[in-house]
Amino acid sequence: MDIRAKHRYVPMSAQKLRLVCDQVRGMDADQAMTVLQFMPQKGAYFVRKTLASAIANAEENFELNREDLVISSILRTKAPASAG
């Protein structure tokens, strides 16, 4: 079962956020939250906020335990092109 959360329009480059995402991919949810809390990169704040939303979605909507959650996929894509 895949639990998803999106954070759109993050004011950072995709490359900087990908470096943060690569650090937590494959970790369990609690461990990833702890690692993100102590990372000095600005992008860790945005990733942690999105991960907290995904954990809350899993607990409330699917009645899953926080201890059973693992980050199988986390990605950051390019921002949409401006319409101007």
PDB file of N, CA and C in Angstrom:
ATOM      1  N   MET A   1       0.845  -1.169   0.000  1.00  0.00           N
ATOM      2  CA  MET A   1       0.000   0.000   0.000  1.00  0.00           C
ATOM      3  C   MET A   1       0.894   1.238   0.000  1.00  0.00           C
ATOM      4  N   ASP A   2       0.588   2.159  -0.875  1.00  0.00           N
ATOM      5  CA  ASP A   2       1.357   3.395  -0.978  1.00  0.00           C
ATOM      6  C   ASP A   2       0.598   4.535  -0.314  1.00  0.00           C
ATOM      7  N   ILE A   3       1.279   5.225   0.566  1.00  0.00           N
ATOM      8  CA  ILE A   3       0.749   6.428   1.194  1.00  0.00           C
ATOM      9  C   ILE A   3       1.473   7.600   0.552  1.00  0.00           C
ATOM     10  N   ARG A   4       0.743   8.598   0.125  1.00  0.00           N
ATOM     11  CA  ARG A   4       1.363   9.712  -0.585  1.00  0.00           C
ATOM     12  C   ARG A   4       1.071  11.035   0.097  1.00  0.00           C
ATOM     13  N   ALA A   5       2.016  11.947  -0.057  1.00  0.00           N
ATOM     14  CA  ALA A   5       1.845  13.326   0.377  1.00  0.00           C
ATOM     15  C   ALA A   5       2.644  14.187  -0.596  1.00  0.00           C
ATOM     16  N   LYS A   6       2.110  15.336  -0.925  1.00  0.00           N
ATOM     17  CA  LYS A   6       2.777  16.250  -1.860  1.00  0.00           C
ATOM     18  C   LYS A   6       2.999  17.588  -1.192  1.00  0.00           C
ATOM     19  N   HIS A   7       4.119  18.186  -1.524  1.00  0.00           N
ATOM     20  CA  HIS A   7       4.413  19.562  -1.108  1.00  0.00           C
ATOM     21  C   HIS A   7       4.759  20.292  -2.396  1.00  0.00           C
ATOM     22  N   ARG A   8       3.886  21.163  -2.814  1.00  0.00           N
ATOM     23  CA  ARG A   8       4.061  21.827  -4.100  1.00  0.00           C
ATOM     24  C   ARG A   8       4.634  23.230  -3.923  1.00  0.00           C
ATOM     25  N   TYR A   9       5.318  23.679  -4.949  1.00  0.00           N
ATOM     26  CA  TYR A   9       5.870  25.033  -5.025  1.00  0.00           C
ATOM     27  C   TYR A   9       6.856  25.324  -3.897  1.00  0.00           C
ATOM     28  N   VAL A  10       7.798  24.437  -3.709  1.00  0.00           N
ATOM     29  CA  VAL A  10       8.855  24.630  -2.724  1.00  0.00           C
ATOM     30  C   VAL A  10       9.875  25.601  -3.321  1.00  0.00           C
ATOM     31  N   PRO A  11      10.255  26.643  -2.585  1.00  0.00           N
ATOM     32  CA  PRO A  11      11.162  27.651  -3.143  1.00  0.00           C
ATOM     33  C   PRO A  11      12.638  27.248  -3.070  1.00  0.00           C
ATOM     34  N   MET A  12      12.958  26.082  -3.621  1.00  0.00           N
ATOM     35  CA  MET A  12      14.338  25.590  -3.659  1.00  0.00           C
ATOM     36  C   MET A  12      14.546  24.835  -4.960  1.00  0.00           C
ATOM     37  N   SER A  13      15.804  24.654  -5.322  1.00  0.00           N
ATOM     38  CA  SER A  13      16.095  23.900  -6.532  1.00  0.00           C
ATOM     39  C   SER A  13      15.869  22.406  -6.284  1.00  0.00           C
ATOM     40  N   ALA A  14      15.531  21.709  -7.346  1.00  0.00           N
ATOM     41  CA  ALA A  14      15.282  20.275  -7.254  1.00  0.00           C
ATOM     42  C   ALA A  14      16.554  19.531  -6.849  1.00  0.00           C
ATOM     43  N   GLN A  15      17.696  19.989  -7.303  1.00  0.00           N
ATOM     44  CA  GLN A  15      18.960  19.329  -6.989  1.00  0.00           C
ATOM     45  C   GLN A  15      19.255  19.376  -5.493  1.00  0.00           C
ATOM     46  N   LYS A  16      19.028  20.496  -4.860  1.00  0.00           N
ATOM     47  CA  LYS A  16      19.286  20.618  -3.421  1.00  0.00           C
ATOM     48  C   LYS A  16      18.336  19.736  -2.609  1.00  0.00           C
ATOM     49  N   LEU A  17      17.083  19.662  -3.035  1.00  0.00           N
ATOM     50  CA  LEU A  17      16.130  18.817  -2.323  1.00  0.00           C
ATOM     51  C   LEU A  17      16.401  17.335  -2.558  1.00  0.00           C
ATOM     52  N   ARG A  18      16.871  16.985  -3.748  1.00  0.00           N
ATOM     53  CA  ARG A  18      17.187  15.582  -4.016  1.00  0.00           C
ATOM     54  C   ARG A  18      18.294  15.071  -3.107  1.00  0.00           C
ATOM     55  N   LEU A  19      19.254  15.913  -2.776  1.00  0.00           N
ATOM     56  CA  LEU A  19      20.328  15.502  -1.871  1.00  0.00           C
ATOM     57  C   LEU A  19      19.775  15.132  -0.501  1.00  0.00           C
ATOM     58  N   VAL A  20      18.780  15.863  -0.027  1.00  0.00           N
ATOM     59  CA  VAL A  20      18.140  15.561   1.254  1.00  0.00           C
ATOM     60  C   VAL A  20      17.305  14.291   1.133  1.00  0.00           C
ATOM     61  N   CYS A  21      16.560  14.155   0.052  1.00  0.00           N
ATOM     62  CA  CYS A  21      15.712  12.976  -0.150  1.00  0.00           C
ATOM     63  C   CYS A  21      16.536  11.696  -0.219  1.00  0.00           C
ATOM     64  N   ASP A  22      17.703  11.773  -0.836  1.00  0.00           N
ATOM     65  CA  ASP A  22      18.560  10.593  -0.948  1.00  0.00           C
ATOM     66  C   ASP A  22      19.040  10.100   0.413  1.00  0.00           C
ATOM     67  N   GLN A  23      19.159  10.987   1.379  1.00  0.00           N
ATOM     68  CA  GLN A  23      19.634  10.606   2.703  1.00  0.00           C
ATOM     69  C   GLN A  23      18.622   9.760   3.468  1.00  0.00           C
ATOM     70  N   VAL A  24      17.336   9.974   3.246  1.00  0.00           N
ATOM     71  CA  VAL A  24      16.313   9.294   4.048  1.00  0.00           C
ATOM     72  C   VAL A  24      15.608   8.160   3.308  1.00  0.00           C
ATOM     73  N   ARG A  25      15.864   7.990   2.033  1.00  0.00           N
ATOM     74  CA  ARG A  25      15.217   6.920   1.274  1.00  0.00           C
ATOM     75  C   ARG A  25      15.604   5.567   1.854  1.00  0.00           C
ATOM     76  N   GLY A  26      14.613   4.733   2.122  1.00  0.00           N
ATOM     77  CA  GLY A  26      14.850   3.397   2.654  1.00  0.00           C
ATOM     78  C   GLY A  26      14.796   3.304   4.169  1.00  0.00           C
ATOM     79  N   MET A  27      14.744   4.422   4.865  1.00  0.00           N
ATOM     80  CA  MET A  27      14.688   4.418   6.331  1.00  0.00           C
ATOM     81  C   MET A  27      13.246   4.206   6.794  1.00  0.00           C
ATOM     82  N   ASP A  28      13.102   3.808   8.058  1.00  0.00           N
ATOM     83  CA  ASP A  28      11.756   3.794   8.607  1.00  0.00           C
ATOM     84  C   ASP A  28      11.365   5.234   8.944  1.00  0.00           C
ATOM     85  N   ALA A  29      10.076   5.468   9.139  1.00  0.00           N
ATOM     86  CA  ALA A  29       9.553   6.835   9.244  1.00  0.00           C
ATOM     87  C   ALA A  29      10.108   7.591  10.449  1.00  0.00           C
ATOM     88  N   ASP A  30      10.145   6.957  11.616  1.00  0.00           N
ATOM     89  CA  ASP A  30      10.642   7.648  12.813  1.00  0.00           C
ATOM     90  C   ASP A  30      12.118   8.001  12.699  1.00  0.00           C
ATOM     91  N   GLN A  31      12.894   7.092  12.164  1.00  0.00           N
ATOM     92  CA  GLN A  31      14.324   7.351  11.992  1.00  0.00           C
ATOM     93  C   GLN A  31      14.542   8.496  11.002  1.00  0.00           C
ATOM     94  N   ALA A  32      13.774   8.523   9.925  1.00  0.00           N
ATOM     95  CA  ALA A  32      13.901   9.585   8.928  1.00  0.00           C
ATOM     96  C   ALA A  32      13.529  10.940   9.523  1.00  0.00           C
ATOM     97  N   MET A  33      12.486  10.980  10.330  1.00  0.00           N
ATOM     98  CA  MET A  33      12.085  12.238  10.968  1.00  0.00           C
ATOM     99  C   MET A  33      13.202  12.761  11.884  1.00  0.00           C
ATOM    100  N   THR A  34      13.850  11.864  12.605  1.00  0.00           N
ATOM    101  CA  THR A  34      14.942  12.272  13.488  1.00  0.00           C
ATOM    102  C   THR A  34      16.134  12.785  12.682  1.00  0.00           C
ATOM    103  N   VAL A  35      16.489  12.082  11.625  1.00  0.00           N
ATOM    104  CA  VAL A  35      17.613  12.509  10.785  1.00  0.00           C
ATOM    105  C   VAL A  35      17.321  13.875  10.170  1.00  0.00           C
ATOM    106  N   LEU A  36      16.116  14.062   9.675  1.00  0.00           N
ATOM    107  CA  LEU A  36      15.760  15.342   9.048  1.00  0.00           C
ATOM    108  C   LEU A  36      15.752  16.487  10.051  1.00  0.00           C
ATOM    109  N   GLN A  37      15.412  16.190  11.285  1.00  0.00           N
ATOM    110  CA  GLN A  37      15.369  17.227  12.316  1.00  0.00           C
ATOM    111  C   GLN A  37      16.745  17.834  12.566  1.00  0.00           C
ATOM    112  N   PHE A  38      17.788  17.026  12.434  1.00  0.00           N
ATOM    113  CA  PHE A  38      19.133  17.498  12.751  1.00  0.00           C
ATOM    114  C   PHE A  38      19.984  17.810  11.522  1.00  0.00           C
ATOM    115  N   MET A  39      19.407  17.738  10.334  1.00  0.00           N
ATOM    116  CA  MET A  39      20.154  18.092   9.125  1.00  0.00           C
ATOM    117  C   MET A  39      20.219  19.615   9.002  1.00  0.00           C
ATOM    118  N   PRO A  40      21.373  20.162   8.638  1.00  0.00           N
ATOM    119  CA  PRO A  40      21.499  21.620   8.548  1.00  0.00           C
ATOM    120  C   PRO A  40      20.927  22.221   7.264  1.00  0.00           C
ATOM    121  N   GLN A  41      20.625  21.416   6.265  1.00  0.00           N
ATOM    122  CA  GLN A  41      20.141  21.934   4.994  1.00  0.00           C
ATOM    123  C   GLN A  41      18.723  22.503   5.136  1.00  0.00           C
ATOM    124  N   LYS A  42      18.472  23.554   4.398  1.00  0.00           N
ATOM    125  CA  LYS A  42      17.155  24.187   4.413  1.00  0.00           C
ATOM    126  C   LYS A  42      16.090  23.238   3.871  1.00  0.00           C
ATOM    127  N   GLY A  43      16.444  22.413   2.919  1.00  0.00           N
ATOM    128  CA  GLY A  43      15.497  21.485   2.311  1.00  0.00           C
ATOM    129  C   GLY A  43      14.989  20.423   3.270  1.00  0.00           C
ATOM    130  N   ALA A  44      15.727  20.155   4.333  1.00  0.00           N
ATOM    131  CA  ALA A  44      15.302  19.154   5.306  1.00  0.00           C
ATOM    132  C   ALA A  44      13.994  19.563   5.975  1.00  0.00           C
ATOM    133  N   TYR A  45      13.791  20.858   6.151  1.00  0.00           N
ATOM    134  CA  TYR A  45      12.545  21.358   6.740  1.00  0.00           C
ATOM    135  C   TYR A  45      11.351  20.989   5.865  1.00  0.00           C
ATOM    136  N   PHE A  46      11.466  21.203   4.552  1.00  0.00           N
ATOM    137  CA  PHE A  46      10.370  20.923   3.630  1.00  0.00           C
ATOM    138  C   PHE A  46      10.106  19.426   3.521  1.00  0.00           C
ATOM    139  N   VAL A  47      11.152  18.632   3.470  1.00  0.00           N
ATOM    140  CA  VAL A  47      10.995  17.178   3.380  1.00  0.00           C
ATOM    141  C   VAL A  47      10.378  16.642   4.663  1.00  0.00           C
ATOM    142  N   ARG A  48      10.812  17.164   5.806  1.00  0.00           N
ATOM    143  CA  ARG A  48      10.278  16.711   7.095  1.00  0.00           C
ATOM    144  C   ARG A  48       8.798  17.063   7.218  1.00  0.00           C
ATOM    145  N   LYS A  49       8.425  18.236   6.756  1.00  0.00           N
ATOM    146  CA  LYS A  49       7.037  18.661   6.814  1.00  0.00           C
ATOM    147  C   LYS A  49       6.156  17.755   5.941  1.00  0.00           C
ATOM    148  N   THR A  50       6.629  17.409   4.766  1.00  0.00           N
ATOM    149  CA  THR A  50       5.885  16.529   3.871  1.00  0.00           C
ATOM    150  C   THR A  50       5.814  15.107   4.423  1.00  0.00           C
ATOM    151  N   LEU A  51       6.916  14.644   4.998  1.00  0.00           N
ATOM    152  CA  LEU A  51       6.933  13.310   5.594  1.00  0.00           C
ATOM    153  C   LEU A  51       5.981  13.225   6.783  1.00  0.00           C
ATOM    154  N   ALA A  52       5.908  14.270   7.582  1.00  0.00           N
ATOM    155  CA  ALA A  52       4.970  14.300   8.711  1.00  0.00           C
ATOM    156  C   ALA A  52       3.535  14.213   8.212  1.00  0.00           C
ATOM    157  N   SER A  53       3.245  14.842   7.083  1.00  0.00           N
ATOM    158  CA  SER A  53       1.914  14.774   6.496  1.00  0.00           C
ATOM    159  C   SER A  53       1.605  13.360   6.016  1.00  0.00           C
ATOM    160  N   ALA A  54       2.575  12.705   5.399  1.00  0.00           N
ATOM    161  CA  ALA A  54       2.374  11.330   4.926  1.00  0.00           C
ATOM    162  C   ALA A  54       2.146  10.377   6.095  1.00  0.00           C
ATOM    163  N   ILE A  55       2.882  10.571   7.180  1.00  0.00           N
ATOM    164  CA  ILE A  55       2.704   9.731   8.368  1.00  0.00           C
ATOM    165  C   ILE A  55       1.315   9.935   8.958  1.00  0.00           C
ATOM    166  N   ALA A  56       0.871  11.176   9.033  1.00  0.00           N
ATOM    167  CA  ALA A  56      -0.463  11.470   9.554  1.00  0.00           C
ATOM    168  C   ALA A  56      -1.545  10.866   8.659  1.00  0.00           C
ATOM    169  N   ASN A  57      -1.351  10.915   7.344  1.00  0.00           N
ATOM    170  CA  ASN A  57      -2.304  10.298   6.420  1.00  0.00           C
ATOM    171  C   ASN A  57      -2.392   8.793   6.654  1.00  0.00           C
ATOM    172  N   ALA A  58      -1.257   8.160   6.846  1.00  0.00           N
ATOM    173  CA  ALA A  58      -1.232   6.710   7.065  1.00  0.00           C
ATOM    174  C   ALA A  58      -1.930   6.333   8.363  1.00  0.00           C
ATOM    175  N   GLU A  59      -1.714   7.108   9.404  1.00  0.00           N
ATOM    176  CA  GLU A  59      -2.312   6.797  10.698  1.00  0.00           C
ATOM    177  C   GLU A  59      -3.815   7.055  10.707  1.00  0.00           C
ATOM    178  N   GLU A  60      -4.242   8.151  10.137  1.00  0.00           N
ATOM    179  CA  GLU A  60      -5.656   8.524  10.197  1.00  0.00           C
ATOM    180  C   GLU A  60      -6.510   7.818   9.144  1.00  0.00           C
ATOM    181  N   ASN A  61      -6.048   7.798   7.918  1.00  0.00           N
ATOM    182  CA  ASN A  61      -6.876   7.273   6.836  1.00  0.00           C
ATOM    183  C   ASN A  61      -6.790   5.764   6.661  1.00  0.00           C
ATOM    184  N   PHE A  62      -5.626   5.181   6.969  1.00  0.00           N
ATOM    185  CA  PHE A  62      -5.429   3.761   6.724  1.00  0.00           C
ATOM    186  C   PHE A  62      -5.220   2.962   8.005  1.00  0.00           C
ATOM    187  N   GLU A  63      -5.230   3.633   9.152  1.00  0.00           N
ATOM    188  CA  GLU A  63      -5.081   3.010  10.464  1.00  0.00           C
ATOM    189  C   GLU A  63      -3.828   2.139  10.564  1.00  0.00           C
ATOM    190  N   LEU A  64      -2.716   2.646  10.058  1.00  0.00           N
ATOM    191  CA  LEU A  64      -1.431   1.954  10.133  1.00  0.00           C
ATOM    192  C   LEU A  64      -0.642   2.459  11.327  1.00  0.00           C
ATOM    193  N   ASN A  65       0.249   1.617  11.844  1.00  0.00           N
ATOM    194  CA  ASN A  65       1.118   2.016  12.949  1.00  0.00           C
ATOM    195  C   ASN A  65       2.324   2.766  12.418  1.00  0.00           C
ATOM    196  N   ARG A  66       2.739   3.772  13.135  1.00  0.00           N
ATOM    197  CA  ARG A  66       3.892   4.586  12.765  1.00  0.00           C
ATOM    198  C   ARG A  66       5.174   3.752  12.693  1.00  0.00           C
ATOM    199  N   GLU A  67       5.287   2.755  13.560  1.00  0.00           N
ATOM    200  CA  GLU A  67       6.487   1.920  13.616  1.00  0.00           C
ATOM    201  C   GLU A  67       6.637   1.021  12.392  1.00  0.00           C
ATOM    202  N   ASP A  68       5.537   0.771  11.675  1.00  0.00           N
ATOM    203  CA  ASP A  68       5.569  -0.131  10.524  1.00  0.00           C
ATOM    204  C   ASP A  68       5.863   0.587   9.208  1.00  0.00           C
ATOM    205  N   LEU A  69       5.942   1.897   9.220  1.00  0.00           N
ATOM    206  CA  LEU A  69       6.095   2.669   7.986  1.00  0.00           C
ATOM    207  C   LEU A  69       7.553   2.768   7.565  1.00  0.00           C
ATOM    208  N   VAL A  70       7.796   2.567   6.272  1.00  0.00           N
ATOM    209  CA  VAL A  70       9.130   2.658   5.681  1.00  0.00           C
ATOM    210  C   VAL A  70       9.034   3.552   4.451  1.00  0.00           C
ATOM    211  N   ILE A  71      10.033   4.381   4.251  1.00  0.00           N
ATOM    212  CA  ILE A  71      10.058   5.264   3.079  1.00  0.00           C
ATOM    213  C   ILE A  71      10.600   4.460   1.906  1.00  0.00           C
ATOM    214  N   SER A  72       9.714   3.985   1.065  1.00  0.00           N
ATOM    215  CA  SER A  72      10.143   3.186  -0.082  1.00  0.00           C
ATOM    216  C   SER A  72      10.495   4.076  -1.271  1.00  0.00           C
ATOM    217  N   SER A  73       9.799   5.186  -1.394  1.00  0.00           N
ATOM    218  CA  SER A  73      10.049   6.090  -2.503  1.00  0.00           C
ATOM    219  C   SER A  73       9.861   7.526  -2.027  1.00  0.00           C
ATOM    220  N   ILE A  74      10.809   8.356  -2.360  1.00  0.00           N
ATOM    221  CA  ILE A  74      10.710   9.785  -2.074  1.00  0.00           C
ATOM    222  C   ILE A  74      11.425  10.489  -3.221  1.00  0.00           C
ATOM    223  N   LEU A  75      10.760  11.459  -3.810  1.00  0.00           N
ATOM    224  CA  LEU A  75      11.367  12.111  -4.959  1.00  0.00           C
ATOM    225  C   LEU A  75      11.007  13.575  -5.011  1.00  0.00           C
ATOM    226  N   ARG A  76      11.814  14.303  -5.733  1.00  0.00           N
ATOM    227  CA  ARG A  76      11.607  15.725  -5.971  1.00  0.00           C
ATOM    228  C   ARG A  76      11.797  15.957  -7.446  1.00  0.00           C
ATOM    229  N   THR A  77      10.777  16.465  -8.091  1.00  0.00           N
ATOM    230  CA  THR A  77      10.852  16.743  -9.514  1.00  0.00           C
ATOM    231  C   THR A  77      10.981  18.244  -9.752  1.00  0.00           C
ATOM    232  N   LYS A  78      11.172  18.610 -10.968  1.00  0.00           N
ATOM    233  CA  LYS A  78      11.303  20.026 -11.312  1.00  0.00           C
ATOM    234  C   LYS A  78       9.989  20.749 -11.104  1.00  0.00           C
ATOM    235  N   ALA A  79      10.098  22.038 -10.878  1.00  0.00           N
ATOM    236  CA  ALA A  79       8.914  22.887 -10.692  1.00  0.00           C
ATOM    237  C   ALA A  79       8.227  23.073 -12.044  1.00  0.00           C
ATOM    238  N   PRO A  80       6.933  23.348 -12.031  1.00  0.00           N
ATOM    239  CA  PRO A  80       6.248  23.601 -13.291  1.00  0.00           C
ATOM    240  C   PRO A  80       6.751  24.898 -13.925  1.00  0.00           C
ATOM    241  N   ALA A  81       6.698  24.969 -15.220  1.00  0.00           N
ATOM    242  CA  ALA A  81       7.170  26.161 -15.929  1.00  0.00           C
ATOM    243  C   ALA A  81       6.223  27.319 -15.655  1.00  0.00           C
ATOM    244  N   SER A  82       6.783  28.503 -15.580  1.00  0.00           N
ATOM    245  CA  SER A  82       5.942  29.677 -15.329  1.00  0.00           C
ATOM    246  C   SER A  82       5.092  29.971 -16.567  1.00  0.00           C
ATOM    247  N   ALA A  83       3.929  30.495 -16.336  1.00  0.00           N
ATOM    248  CA  ALA A  83       2.976  30.742 -17.418  1.00  0.00           C
ATOM    249  C   ALA A  83       3.127  32.163 -17.981  1.00  0.00           C
ATOM    250  N   GLY A  84       4.221  32.821 -17.661  1.00  0.00           N
ATOM    251  CA  GLY A  84       4.350  34.206 -18.090  1.00  0.00           C
ATOM    252  C   GLY A  84       5.172  34.409 -19.233  1.00  0.00           C
TER     253      GLY A  84
END
